C-alpha atoms as a PDB file:
ATOM      1  CA  MET A   1      14.929  -3.694 -17.456  1.00  0.00           C
ATOM      2  CA  LYS A   2      13.284  -1.973 -14.506  1.00  0.00           C
ATOM      3  CA  PHE A   3      14.552  -2.218 -10.960  1.00  0.00           C
ATOM      4  CA  LEU A   4      13.248  -1.017  -7.632  1.00  0.00           C
ATOM      5  CA  ALA A   5      15.593   0.067  -4.871  1.00  0.00           C
ATOM      6  CA  SER A   6      14.225  -0.144  -1.351  1.00  0.00           C
ATOM      7  CA  LEU A   7      16.167   2.304   0.814  1.00  0.00           C
ATOM      8  CA  PHE A   8      16.269   2.084   4.592  1.00  0.00           C
ATOM      9  CA  GLN A   9      17.374   4.777   6.988  1.00  0.00           C
ATOM     10  CA  SER A  10      17.788   4.375  10.725  1.00  0.00           C
ATOM     11  CA  GLY A  11      17.169   7.168  13.143  1.00  0.00           C
ATOM     12  CA  GLY A  12      14.334   9.621  13.638  1.00  0.00           C
ATOM     13  CA  CYS A  13      10.845   9.456  12.289  1.00  0.00           C
ATOM     14  CA  ASP A  14       8.588  12.175  10.921  1.00  0.00           C
ATOM     15  CA  TYR A  15       5.507   9.909  11.307  1.00  0.00           C
ATOM     16  CA  THR A  16       4.838   9.535   7.598  1.00  0.00           C
ATOM     17  CA  ILE A  17       3.968   6.397   5.701  1.00  0.00           C
ATOM     18  CA  GLY A  18       7.140   4.357   5.365  1.00  0.00           C
ATOM     19  CA  CYS A  19       9.045   6.285   7.976  1.00  0.00           C
ATOM     20  CA  GLY A  20      12.741   5.716   7.287  1.00  0.00           C
ATOM     21  CA  HIS A  21      11.894   3.795   4.108  1.00  0.00           C
ATOM     22  CA  LYS A  22      11.839   5.012   0.515  1.00  0.00           C
ATOM     23  CA  THR A  23      11.644   3.306  -2.863  1.00  0.00           C
ATOM     24  CA  GLU A  24      13.249   4.399  -6.112  1.00  0.00           C
ATOM     25  CA  LEU A  25      12.362   2.973  -9.518  1.00  0.00           C
ATOM     26  CA  PHE A  26      15.148   2.996 -12.099  1.00  0.00           C
ATOM     27  CA  GLU A  27      16.169   1.349 -15.341  1.00  0.00           C
ATOM     28  CA  ALA A  28      19.315  -0.646 -16.020  1.00  0.00           C
ATOM     29  CA  ILE A  29      20.662  -2.785 -18.853  1.00  0.00           C
ATOM     30  CA  ASN A  30      21.239  -5.858 -16.657  1.00  0.00           C
ATOM     31  CA  LYS A  31      21.664  -6.869 -13.022  1.00  0.00           C
ATOM     32  CA  GLU A  32      25.294  -5.770 -12.861  1.00  0.00           C
ATOM     33  CA  ASP A  33      24.338  -2.345 -14.202  1.00  0.00           C
ATOM     34  CA  ALA A  34      21.532  -2.234 -11.639  1.00  0.00           C
ATOM     35  CA  VAL A  35      23.985  -2.872  -8.803  1.00  0.00           C
ATOM     36  CA  GLN A  36      26.222  -0.069 -10.085  1.00  0.00           C
ATOM     37  CA  LYS A  37      23.273   2.339 -10.323  1.00  0.00           C
ATOM     38  CA  ALA A  38      22.158   1.317  -6.822  1.00  0.00           C
ATOM     39  CA  LYS A  39      25.633   2.179  -5.525  1.00  0.00           C
ATOM     40  CA  GLU A  40      25.394   5.566  -7.246  1.00  0.00           C
ATOM     41  CA  LEU A  41      21.996   6.062  -5.652  1.00  0.00           C
ATOM     42  CA  CYS A  42      23.460   5.163  -2.255  1.00  0.00           C
ATOM     43  CA  ALA A  43      26.138   7.829  -2.705  1.00  0.00           C
ATOM     44  CA  GLN A  44      23.383  10.482  -2.828  1.00  0.00           C
ATOM     45  CA  TYR A  45      22.501   9.791   0.807  1.00  0.00           C
ATOM     46  CA  THR A  46      25.311  10.936   3.087  1.00  0.00           C
ATOM     47  CA  GLY A  47      25.608  12.679   6.433  1.00  0.00           C
ATOM     48  CA  GLU A  48      22.318  12.731   8.334  1.00  0.00           C
ATOM     49  CA  SER A  49      20.522  11.071   5.422  1.00  0.00           C
ATOM     50  CA  ARG A  50      22.974   8.135   5.342  1.00  0.00           C
ATOM     51  CA  LEU A  51      21.277   4.833   4.542  1.00  0.00           C
ATOM     52  CA  SER A  52      21.326   1.870   6.903  1.00  0.00           C
ATOM     53  CA  GLY A  53      20.370  -0.606   4.178  1.00  0.00           C
ATOM     54  CA  MET A  54      19.267  -1.065   0.595  1.00  0.00           C
ATOM     55  CA  THR A  55      17.673  -3.917  -1.318  1.00  0.00           C
ATOM     56  CA  ILE A  56      17.162  -3.938  -5.078  1.00  0.00           C
ATOM     57  CA  TYR A  57      14.512  -5.910  -6.926  1.00  0.00           C
ATOM     58  CA  GLU A  58      13.992  -6.611 -10.590  1.00  0.00           C
ATOM     59  CA  VAL A  59      10.525  -5.450 -11.615  1.00  0.00           C
ATOM     60  CA  LEU A  60       8.912  -7.952 -13.941  1.00  0.00           C
ATOM     61  CA  TRP A  61       5.528  -6.257 -14.027  1.00  0.00           C
ATOM     62  CA  SER A  62       4.001  -3.053 -12.710  1.00  0.00           C
ATOM     63  CA  ASP A  63       0.701  -1.242 -12.999  1.00  0.00           C
ATOM     64  CA  ASN A  64      -0.914   1.847 -11.545  1.00  0.00           C
ATOM     65  CA  ILE A  65      -3.914   1.345  -9.307  1.00  0.00           C
ATOM     66  CA  ASP A  66      -6.803   3.829  -9.350  1.00  0.00           C
ATOM     67  CA  VAL A  67      -6.984   4.222  -5.576  1.00  0.00           C
ATOM     68  CA  ASP A  68      -9.999   6.556  -5.784  1.00  0.00           C
ATOM     69  CA  ALA A  69     -11.932   3.772  -7.511  1.00  0.00           C
ATOM     70  CA  VAL A  70     -10.768   1.249  -4.908  1.00  0.00           C
ATOM     71  CA  TYR A  71     -11.916   3.455  -2.018  1.00  0.00           C
ATOM     72  CA  PHE A  72     -15.216   4.137  -3.791  1.00  0.00           C
ATOM     73  CA  GLU A  73     -15.791   0.387  -4.187  1.00  0.00           C
ATOM     74  CA  LEU A  74     -14.897  -0.244  -0.537  1.00  0.00           C
ATOM     75  CA  ASN A  75     -17.346   2.451   0.540  1.00  0.00           C
ATOM     76  CA  GLU A  76     -20.102   1.034  -1.671  1.00  0.00           C
ATOM     77  CA  ASN A  77     -19.510  -2.453  -0.248  1.00  0.00           C
ATOM     78  CA  LYS A  78     -19.775  -1.079   3.305  1.00  0.00           C
ATOM     79  CA  LYS A  79     -23.049   0.648   2.408  1.00  0.00           C
ATOM     80  CA  LYS A  80     -24.458  -2.575   0.934  1.00  0.00           C
ATOM     81  CA  GLU A  81     -23.374  -4.579   3.969  1.00  0.00           C
ATOM     82  CA  ALA A  82     -24.962  -2.052   6.338  1.00  0.00           C
ATOM     83  CA  ALA A  83     -28.197  -2.100   4.316  1.00  0.00           C
ATOM     84  CA  LEU A  84     -28.302  -5.921   4.432  1.00  0.00           C
ATOM     85  CA  LYS A  85     -27.746  -5.935   8.207  1.00  0.00           C
ATOM     86  CA  LYS A  86     -30.487  -3.334   8.666  1.00  0.00           C
ATOM     87  CA  GLU A  87     -32.891  -5.337   6.505  1.00  0.00           C
ATOM     88  CA  GLU A  88     -32.106  -8.535   8.431  1.00  0.00           C
ATOM     89  CA  SER A  89     -32.717  -6.759  11.732  1.00  0.00           C
ATOM     90  CA  GLU A  90     -35.992  -5.285  10.455  1.00  0.00           C
ATOM     91  CA  ARG A  91     -37.169  -8.704   9.206  1.00  0.00           C
ATOM     92  CA  GLN A  92     -36.403 -10.265  12.580  1.00  0.00           C
ATOM     93  CA  GLU A  93     -38.356  -7.498  14.299  1.00  0.00           C
ATOM     94  CA  TYR A  94     -41.226  -7.967  11.823  1.00  0.00           C
ATOM     95  CA  GLU A  95     -41.333 -11.723  12.506  1.00  0.00           C
ATOM     96  CA  ARG A  96     -41.244 -11.097  16.262  1.00  0.00           C
ATOM     97  CA  LEU A  97     -44.131  -8.598  16.084  1.00  0.00           C
ATOM     98  CA  LYS A  98     -46.095 -10.810  13.675  1.00  0.00           C
ATOM     99  CA  ALA A  99     -45.835 -13.739  16.097  1.00  0.00           C
ATOM    100  CA  LYS A 100     -46.771 -11.513  19.051  1.00  0.00           C
ATOM    101  CA  TYR A 101     -49.961 -10.111  17.490  1.00  0.00           C
ATOM    102  CA  ARG A 102     -51.408 -13.265  15.926  1.00  0.00           C
END
């Protein structure tokens, strides 16, 4: 079974994504084993890196996302939307000029 530990740390921030928050993926035999492994994980963060909280989740499904493809698609959609707006504006201008010069 896969589990995800969400680790929280109070204190300063280095202005990164998830400042004071980190996730760790790990495997365990069952939920009790997961709790034990989470405690062992917690023990790795002492002193200045001491955790202020931790939540563990059982992962039922996971998949990797091709973020480059997602950003490419978003960019293409923005280009299409801009082209449609430009065409609409040009058609309105065409209709205005057509009516003016009849």
